[in-house]
Amino acid sequence: MIFDLDGVIVDSEPVWEEVRRRYVAEHGGAWQPDSQRRLMGMSTGEWASYLSAELGVDRSPEQVATEVVDEMARRYLEHVPLIDGADRVVRELAANWPMGLASSSPARLIEAALRATGLTDVFAVTLSTEQVARGKPSPDVYLQVAERLGMAPERCVAIEDSSNGVRSASAAGTRVVAVPHASYPLDPDAERLAALVVPSIGELTAGTVRELVTPNG
């Protein structure tokens, strides 16, 4: 099992949007209607460059990355928004399969979120897209996590919420369970890539996963 973090375990996408929207406004940029959709899944370097070069922020990509992540870390110190039931689901699945985490968050925020939710010990492998060549929708992070788990991607099930995340996991060859956020619905092409779409992470069970990977029993 390979989990995404933001939007699957922690309801952080609205926090990321709020922080980056405010940052863009405070630094001379202009947020675009499709900005949040484009940003979801990008690695740290990719979204920092996007804010600097395409949204007109008057800071270098390096400054953007440092300052935005610092603000996210401050928010996490106050509160990590665990999605209801996510920790229970993660632990139930971990009792049945090796677990990996493939996240677009910087490593320091992954560590903070897992520590705050009590899930640090559950994942055998955790990896940020900042640690691979390309962020989502490229398959790099999923391929690396599967390799470090010692599993072929085709034998893995990925849990994702965003269109770019689904595209990334599907391109890696995994079977994808999509749990789209109500505020950020999947694009039609991404929804078609998912083997299963569930309305909330709390509805995902080990039995559901077994049916997905062995549909004929």
C-alpha atoms as a PDB file:
ATOM      1  CA  MET A   1       0.000   0.000   0.000  1.00  0.00           C
ATOM      2  CA  ILE A   2       1.315   3.453  -0.919  1.00  0.00           C
ATOM      3  CA  PHE A   3      -0.474   6.453   0.553  1.00  0.00           C
ATOM      4  CA  ASP A   4      -0.439  10.069  -0.413  1.00  0.00           C
ATOM      5  CA  LEU A   5      -0.462  12.429   2.588  1.00  0.00           C
ATOM      6  CA  ASP A   6      -2.138  15.737   1.781  1.00  0.00           C
ATOM      7  CA  GLY A   7      -5.842  15.285   1.174  1.00  0.00           C
ATOM      8  CA  VAL A   8      -5.764  11.592   2.130  1.00  0.00           C
ATOM      9  CA  ILE A   9      -4.465  11.479   5.711  1.00  0.00           C
ATOM     10  CA  VAL A  10      -4.425  15.184   6.571  1.00  0.00           C
ATOM     11  CA  ASP A  11      -6.870  17.755   5.212  1.00  0.00           C
ATOM     12  CA  SER A  12      -4.071  20.133   4.337  1.00  0.00           C
ATOM     13  CA  GLU A  13      -4.916  21.127   0.762  1.00  0.00           C
ATOM     14  CA  PRO A  14      -7.136  24.021   1.942  1.00  0.00           C
ATOM     15  CA  VAL A  15      -4.319  25.130   4.251  1.00  0.00           C
ATOM     16  CA  TRP A  16      -1.783  25.023   1.406  1.00  0.00           C
ATOM     17  CA  GLU A  17      -4.170  27.021  -0.785  1.00  0.00           C
ATOM     18  CA  GLU A  18      -4.763  29.648   1.893  1.00  0.00           C
ATOM     19  CA  VAL A  19      -1.058  30.033   2.665  1.00  0.00           C
ATOM     20  CA  ARG A  20       0.031  30.234  -0.977  1.00  0.00           C
ATOM     21  CA  ARG A  21      -2.823  32.527  -2.011  1.00  0.00           C
ATOM     22  CA  ARG A  22      -1.915  34.966   0.760  1.00  0.00           C
ATOM     23  CA  TYR A  23       1.774  34.720  -0.049  1.00  0.00           C
ATOM     24  CA  VAL A  24       1.158  35.484  -3.728  1.00  0.00           C
ATOM     25  CA  ALA A  25      -1.005  38.497  -2.843  1.00  0.00           C
ATOM     26  CA  GLU A  26       1.547  39.829  -0.352  1.00  0.00           C
ATOM     27  CA  HIS A  27       4.410  39.566  -2.831  1.00  0.00           C
ATOM     28  CA  GLY A  28       3.006  41.232  -5.925  1.00  0.00           C
ATOM     29  CA  GLY A  29       1.664  38.186  -7.719  1.00  0.00           C
ATOM     30  CA  ALA A  30      -1.732  37.324  -9.168  1.00  0.00           C
ATOM     31  CA  TRP A  31      -3.462  34.065  -8.255  1.00  0.00           C
ATOM     32  CA  GLN A  32      -5.159  32.409 -11.236  1.00  0.00           C
ATOM     33  CA  PRO A  33      -8.433  30.447 -11.310  1.00  0.00           C
ATOM     34  CA  ASP A  34      -6.607  27.191 -12.088  1.00  0.00           C
ATOM     35  CA  SER A  35      -3.635  27.770  -9.793  1.00  0.00           C
ATOM     36  CA  GLN A  36      -4.626  25.388  -6.996  1.00  0.00           C
ATOM     37  CA  ARG A  37      -5.466  22.590  -9.424  1.00  0.00           C
ATOM     38  CA  ARG A  38      -2.097  23.016 -11.151  1.00  0.00           C
ATOM     39  CA  LEU A  39      -0.187  23.174  -7.869  1.00  0.00           C
ATOM     40  CA  MET A  40      -1.590  19.953  -6.400  1.00  0.00           C
ATOM     41  CA  GLY A  41       1.103  17.294  -6.752  1.00  0.00           C
ATOM     42  CA  MET A  42       3.966  19.587  -7.721  1.00  0.00           C
ATOM     43  CA  SER A  43       7.245  19.139  -5.879  1.00  0.00           C
ATOM     44  CA  THR A  44       8.557  21.969  -3.709  1.00  0.00           C
ATOM     45  CA  GLY A  45      10.907  23.219  -6.400  1.00  0.00           C
ATOM     46  CA  GLU A  46       8.190  23.064  -9.047  1.00  0.00           C
ATOM     47  CA  TRP A  47       5.538  25.008  -7.158  1.00  0.00           C
ATOM     48  CA  ALA A  48       8.057  27.548  -5.894  1.00  0.00           C
ATOM     49  CA  SER A  49       9.146  28.213  -9.484  1.00  0.00           C
ATOM     50  CA  TYR A  50       5.502  28.417 -10.565  1.00  0.00           C
ATOM     51  CA  LEU A  51       4.707  31.080  -7.947  1.00  0.00           C
ATOM     52  CA  SER A  52       7.844  33.038  -8.823  1.00  0.00           C
ATOM     53  CA  ALA A  53       7.858  32.791 -12.612  1.00  0.00           C
ATOM     54  CA  GLU A  54       4.221  32.350 -13.612  1.00  0.00           C
ATOM     55  CA  LEU A  55       2.235  34.060 -10.866  1.00  0.00           C
ATOM     56  CA  GLY A  56       4.581  37.026 -10.671  1.00  0.00           C
ATOM     57  CA  VAL A  57       5.764  36.760  -7.058  1.00  0.00           C
ATOM     58  CA  ASP A  58       8.674  39.139  -6.504  1.00  0.00           C
ATOM     59  CA  ARG A  59      10.849  36.536  -4.788  1.00  0.00           C
ATOM     60  CA  SER A  60      13.230  33.872  -6.054  1.00  0.00           C
ATOM     61  CA  PRO A  61      12.021  30.256  -6.111  1.00  0.00           C
ATOM     62  CA  GLU A  62      14.392  29.486  -3.238  1.00  0.00           C
ATOM     63  CA  GLN A  63      12.917  32.304  -1.133  1.00  0.00           C
ATOM     64  CA  VAL A  64       9.374  31.254  -2.036  1.00  0.00           C
ATOM     65  CA  ALA A  65      10.004  27.652  -0.978  1.00  0.00           C
ATOM     66  CA  THR A  66      11.622  28.600   2.322  1.00  0.00           C
ATOM     67  CA  GLU A  67       9.039  31.193   3.316  1.00  0.00           C
ATOM     68  CA  VAL A  68       5.943  29.213   2.342  1.00  0.00           C
ATOM     69  CA  VAL A  69       7.172  26.012   3.997  1.00  0.00           C
ATOM     70  CA  ASP A  70       8.095  27.978   7.132  1.00  0.00           C
ATOM     71  CA  GLU A  71       4.513  29.231   7.316  1.00  0.00           C
ATOM     72  CA  MET A  72       3.125  25.737   6.771  1.00  0.00           C
ATOM     73  CA  ALA A  73       5.385  24.420   9.539  1.00  0.00           C
ATOM     74  CA  ARG A  74       4.084  27.160  11.836  1.00  0.00           C
ATOM     75  CA  ARG A  75       0.501  26.140  11.022  1.00  0.00           C
ATOM     76  CA  TYR A  76       1.327  22.491  11.729  1.00  0.00           C
ATOM     77  CA  LEU A  77       2.707  23.417  15.142  1.00  0.00           C
ATOM     78  CA  GLU A  78      -0.702  24.876  15.933  1.00  0.00           C
ATOM     79  CA  HIS A  79      -2.778  22.096  14.416  1.00  0.00           C
ATOM     80  CA  VAL A  80      -2.410  19.192  11.985  1.00  0.00           C
ATOM     81  CA  PRO A  81      -5.849  18.592  10.410  1.00  0.00           C
ATOM     82  CA  LEU A  82      -6.150  14.803  10.556  1.00  0.00           C
ATOM     83  CA  ILE A  83      -8.995  13.553   8.345  1.00  0.00           C
ATOM     84  CA  ASP A  84     -11.608  11.704  10.375  1.00  0.00           C
ATOM     85  CA  GLY A  85     -10.917   7.983  10.362  1.00  0.00           C
ATOM     86  CA  ALA A  86      -7.692   8.229   8.358  1.00  0.00           C
ATOM     87  CA  ASP A  87      -5.424   6.997  11.152  1.00  0.00           C
ATOM     88  CA  ARG A  88      -7.708   4.006  11.797  1.00  0.00           C
ATOM     89  CA  VAL A  89      -7.720   3.072   8.094  1.00  0.00           C
ATOM     90  CA  VAL A  90      -3.960   3.422   7.783  1.00  0.00           C
ATOM     91  CA  ARG A  91      -3.375   1.148  10.776  1.00  0.00           C
ATOM     92  CA  GLU A  92      -5.901  -1.427   9.567  1.00  0.00           C
ATOM     93  CA  LEU A  93      -4.214  -1.635   6.165  1.00  0.00           C
ATOM     94  CA  ALA A  94      -0.753  -1.669   7.761  1.00  0.00           C
ATOM     95  CA  ALA A  95      -1.746  -4.829   9.632  1.00  0.00           C
ATOM     96  CA  ASN A  96      -2.145  -6.524   6.253  1.00  0.00           C
ATOM     97  CA  TRP A  97       0.418  -5.023   3.861  1.00  0.00           C
ATOM     98  CA  PRO A  98       3.761  -3.161   3.888  1.00  0.00           C
ATOM     99  CA  MET A  99       3.153   0.576   3.832  1.00  0.00           C
ATOM    100  CA  GLY A 100       4.794   3.414   1.931  1.00  0.00           C
ATOM    101  CA  LEU A 101       4.119   7.143   1.722  1.00  0.00           C
ATOM    102  CA  ALA A 102       4.562   9.142  -1.504  1.00  0.00           C
ATOM    103  CA  SER A 103       3.945  12.816  -0.797  1.00  0.00           C
ATOM    104  CA  SER A 104       4.433  16.164  -2.482  1.00  0.00           C
ATOM    105  CA  SER A 105       5.026  17.786   0.898  1.00  0.00           C
ATOM    106  CA  PRO A 106       8.591  18.659   1.909  1.00  0.00           C
ATOM    107  CA  ALA A 107      10.212  16.041   4.115  1.00  0.00           C
ATOM    108  CA  ARG A 108      10.066  18.278   7.200  1.00  0.00           C
ATOM    109  CA  LEU A 109       6.282  18.640   6.866  1.00  0.00           C
ATOM    110  CA  ILE A 110       5.831  14.911   6.273  1.00  0.00           C
ATOM    111  CA  GLU A 111       7.736  14.250   9.498  1.00  0.00           C
ATOM    112  CA  ALA A 112       5.677  16.824  11.408  1.00  0.00           C
ATOM    113  CA  ALA A 113       2.356  15.482  10.126  1.00  0.00           C
ATOM    114  CA  LEU A 114       3.164  11.844  10.870  1.00  0.00           C
ATOM    115  CA  ARG A 115       4.479  12.698  14.319  1.00  0.00           C
ATOM    116  CA  ALA A 116       1.359  14.721  15.152  1.00  0.00           C
ATOM    117  CA  THR A 117      -0.988  11.983  13.929  1.00  0.00           C
ATOM    118  CA  GLY A 118       0.920   9.162  15.612  1.00  0.00           C
ATOM    119  CA  LEU A 119       1.625   7.386  12.323  1.00  0.00           C
ATOM    120  CA  THR A 120       5.407   7.656  12.108  1.00  0.00           C
ATOM    121  CA  ASP A 121       5.925   3.985  12.931  1.00  0.00           C
ATOM    122  CA  VAL A 122       3.402   2.724  10.371  1.00  0.00           C
ATOM    123  CA  PHE A 123       5.290   3.494   7.172  1.00  0.00           C
ATOM    124  CA  ALA A 124       8.306   1.450   6.171  1.00  0.00           C
ATOM    125  CA  VAL A 125       9.172   4.010   3.485  1.00  0.00           C
ATOM    126  CA  THR A 126       8.358   7.721   3.279  1.00  0.00           C
ATOM    127  CA  LEU A 127       9.423   9.864   0.351  1.00  0.00           C
ATOM    128  CA  SER A 128       8.855  13.446  -0.737  1.00  0.00           C
ATOM    129  CA  THR A 129       8.740  14.511  -4.371  1.00  0.00           C
ATOM    130  CA  GLU A 130      11.507  16.958  -3.485  1.00  0.00           C
ATOM    131  CA  GLN A 131      13.715  13.861  -3.208  1.00  0.00           C
ATOM    132  CA  VAL A 132      13.073  12.680  -6.791  1.00  0.00           C
ATOM    133  CA  ALA A 133      13.629  14.283 -10.187  1.00  0.00           C
ATOM    134  CA  ARG A 134      10.021  15.182 -10.971  1.00  0.00           C
ATOM    135  CA  GLY A 135       6.868  15.762  -8.987  1.00  0.00           C
ATOM    136  CA  LYS A 136       3.415  14.408  -9.694  1.00  0.00           C
ATOM    137  CA  PRO A 137       1.902  13.732 -12.278  1.00  0.00           C
ATOM    138  CA  SER A 138       5.236  12.122 -13.214  1.00  0.00           C
ATOM    139  CA  PRO A 139       5.518   8.629 -11.710  1.00  0.00           C
ATOM    140  CA  ASP A 140       8.936   9.121 -10.098  1.00  0.00           C
ATOM    141  CA  VAL A 141       7.913   9.156  -6.439  1.00  0.00           C
ATOM    142  CA  TYR A 142       5.687   6.093  -6.741  1.00  0.00           C
ATOM    143  CA  LEU A 143       8.327   4.150  -8.622  1.00  0.00           C
ATOM    144  CA  GLN A 144      10.892   4.957  -5.950  1.00  0.00           C
ATOM    145  CA  VAL A 145       8.634   4.064  -3.035  1.00  0.00           C
ATOM    146  CA  ALA A 146       7.682   0.743  -4.647  1.00  0.00           C
ATOM    147  CA  GLU A 147      11.347  -0.040  -5.270  1.00  0.00           C
ATOM    148  CA  ARG A 148      12.271   0.745  -1.665  1.00  0.00           C
ATOM    149  CA  LEU A 149       9.434  -1.482  -0.460  1.00  0.00           C
ATOM    150  CA  GLY A 150      10.880  -4.236  -2.627  1.00  0.00           C
ATOM    151  CA  MET A 151       7.681  -4.518  -4.633  1.00  0.00           C
ATOM    152  CA  ALA A 152       6.835  -4.228  -8.320  1.00  0.00           C
ATOM    153  CA  PRO A 153       4.536  -1.210  -8.831  1.00  0.00           C
ATOM    154  CA  GLU A 154       1.934  -3.519 -10.378  1.00  0.00           C
ATOM    155  CA  ARG A 155       1.646  -5.260  -7.002  1.00  0.00           C
ATOM    156  CA  CYS A 156       0.991  -2.000  -5.172  1.00  0.00           C
ATOM    157  CA  VAL A 157      -2.215  -0.091  -4.473  1.00  0.00           C
ATOM    158  CA  ALA A 158      -1.970   3.682  -4.230  1.00  0.00           C
ATOM    159  CA  ILE A 159      -4.371   5.909  -2.300  1.00  0.00           C
ATOM    160  CA  GLU A 160      -4.675   9.375  -3.835  1.00  0.00           C
ATOM    161  CA  ASP A 161      -6.978  12.388  -3.758  1.00  0.00           C
ATOM    162  CA  SER A 162      -5.848  14.722  -6.555  1.00  0.00           C
ATOM    163  CA  SER A 163      -5.927  14.430 -10.327  1.00  0.00           C
ATOM    164  CA  ASN A 164      -2.154  14.781 -10.590  1.00  0.00           C
ATOM    165  CA  GLY A 165      -1.670  12.236  -7.825  1.00  0.00           C
ATOM    166  CA  VAL A 166      -3.903   9.712  -9.575  1.00  0.00           C
ATOM    167  CA  ARG A 167      -2.054  10.317 -12.843  1.00  0.00           C
ATOM    168  CA  SER A 168       1.285   9.817 -11.102  1.00  0.00           C
ATOM    169  CA  ALA A 169       0.331   6.559  -9.411  1.00  0.00           C
ATOM    170  CA  SER A 170      -1.327   5.207 -12.547  1.00  0.00           C
ATOM    171  CA  ALA A 171       1.702   6.089 -14.697  1.00  0.00           C
ATOM    172  CA  ALA A 172       3.870   4.131 -12.254  1.00  0.00           C
ATOM    173  CA  GLY A 173       1.715   1.064 -12.855  1.00  0.00           C
ATOM    174  CA  THR A 174      -0.057   0.845  -9.504  1.00  0.00           C
ATOM    175  CA  ARG A 175      -3.759   0.288  -9.008  1.00  0.00           C
ATOM    176  CA  VAL A 176      -5.246   3.509  -7.706  1.00  0.00           C
ATOM    177  CA  VAL A 177      -7.962   4.133  -5.139  1.00  0.00           C
ATOM    178  CA  ALA A 178      -9.088   7.743  -5.447  1.00  0.00           C
ATOM    179  CA  VAL A 179     -10.538   9.646  -2.502  1.00  0.00           C
ATOM    180  CA  PRO A 180     -11.265  13.053  -4.056  1.00  0.00           C
ATOM    181  CA  HIS A 181     -11.634  16.119  -1.862  1.00  0.00           C
ATOM    182  CA  ALA A 182     -15.079  17.720  -2.102  1.00  0.00           C
ATOM    183  CA  SER A 183     -13.488  21.083  -2.908  1.00  0.00           C
ATOM    184  CA  TYR A 184     -11.104  19.694  -5.528  1.00  0.00           C
ATOM    185  CA  PRO A 185     -12.941  17.101  -7.674  1.00  0.00           C
ATOM    186  CA  LEU A 186     -11.039  14.839 -10.033  1.00  0.00           C
ATOM    187  CA  ASP A 187     -10.670  15.718 -13.680  1.00  0.00           C
ATOM    188  CA  PRO A 188     -12.576  13.232 -15.874  1.00  0.00           C
ATOM    189  CA  ASP A 189      -9.406  11.693 -17.311  1.00  0.00           C
ATOM    190  CA  ALA A 190      -7.973  11.121 -13.830  1.00  0.00           C
ATOM    191  CA  GLU A 191     -11.192   9.598 -12.551  1.00  0.00           C
ATOM    192  CA  ARG A 192     -11.084   7.092 -15.407  1.00  0.00           C
ATOM    193  CA  LEU A 193      -7.594   6.020 -14.321  1.00  0.00           C
ATOM    194  CA  ALA A 194      -8.745   5.058 -10.830  1.00  0.00           C
ATOM    195  CA  ALA A 195      -9.622   1.418 -10.206  1.00  0.00           C
ATOM    196  CA  LEU A 196     -11.927   2.551  -7.406  1.00  0.00           C
ATOM    197  CA  VAL A 197     -13.320   5.886  -6.215  1.00  0.00           C
ATOM    198  CA  VAL A 198     -14.557   6.181  -2.626  1.00  0.00           C
ATOM    199  CA  PRO A 199     -16.219   9.252  -1.099  1.00  0.00           C
ATOM    200  CA  SER A 200     -14.156   9.234   2.085  1.00  0.00           C
ATOM    201  CA  ILE A 201     -11.064   7.526   3.441  1.00  0.00           C
ATOM    202  CA  GLY A 202     -13.111   6.140   6.322  1.00  0.00           C
ATOM    203  CA  GLU A 203     -14.959   3.869   3.883  1.00  0.00           C
ATOM    204  CA  LEU A 204     -11.774   2.111   2.739  1.00  0.00           C
ATOM    205  CA  THR A 205     -11.226  -1.290   4.354  1.00  0.00           C
ATOM    206  CA  ALA A 206      -8.804  -4.164   4.027  1.00  0.00           C
ATOM    207  CA  GLY A 207     -11.621  -6.202   2.522  1.00  0.00           C
ATOM    208  CA  THR A 208     -12.179  -3.590  -0.168  1.00  0.00           C
ATOM    209  CA  VAL A 209      -8.501  -3.639  -1.054  1.00  0.00           C
ATOM    210  CA  ARG A 210      -8.462  -7.456  -1.223  1.00  0.00           C
ATOM    211  CA  GLU A 211     -11.415  -7.386  -3.626  1.00  0.00           C
ATOM    212  CA  LEU A 212      -9.564  -4.850  -5.748  1.00  0.00           C
ATOM    213  CA  VAL A 213      -6.358  -6.865  -6.044  1.00  0.00           C
ATOM    214  CA  THR A 214      -8.012 -10.299  -6.247  1.00  0.00           C
ATOM    215  CA  PRO A 215     -11.389  -9.592  -7.860  1.00  0.00           C
ATOM    216  CA  ASN A 216     -12.058 -13.252  -8.497  1.00  0.00           C
ATOM    217  CA  GLY A 217     -11.225 -14.307  -4.965  1.00  0.00           C
END
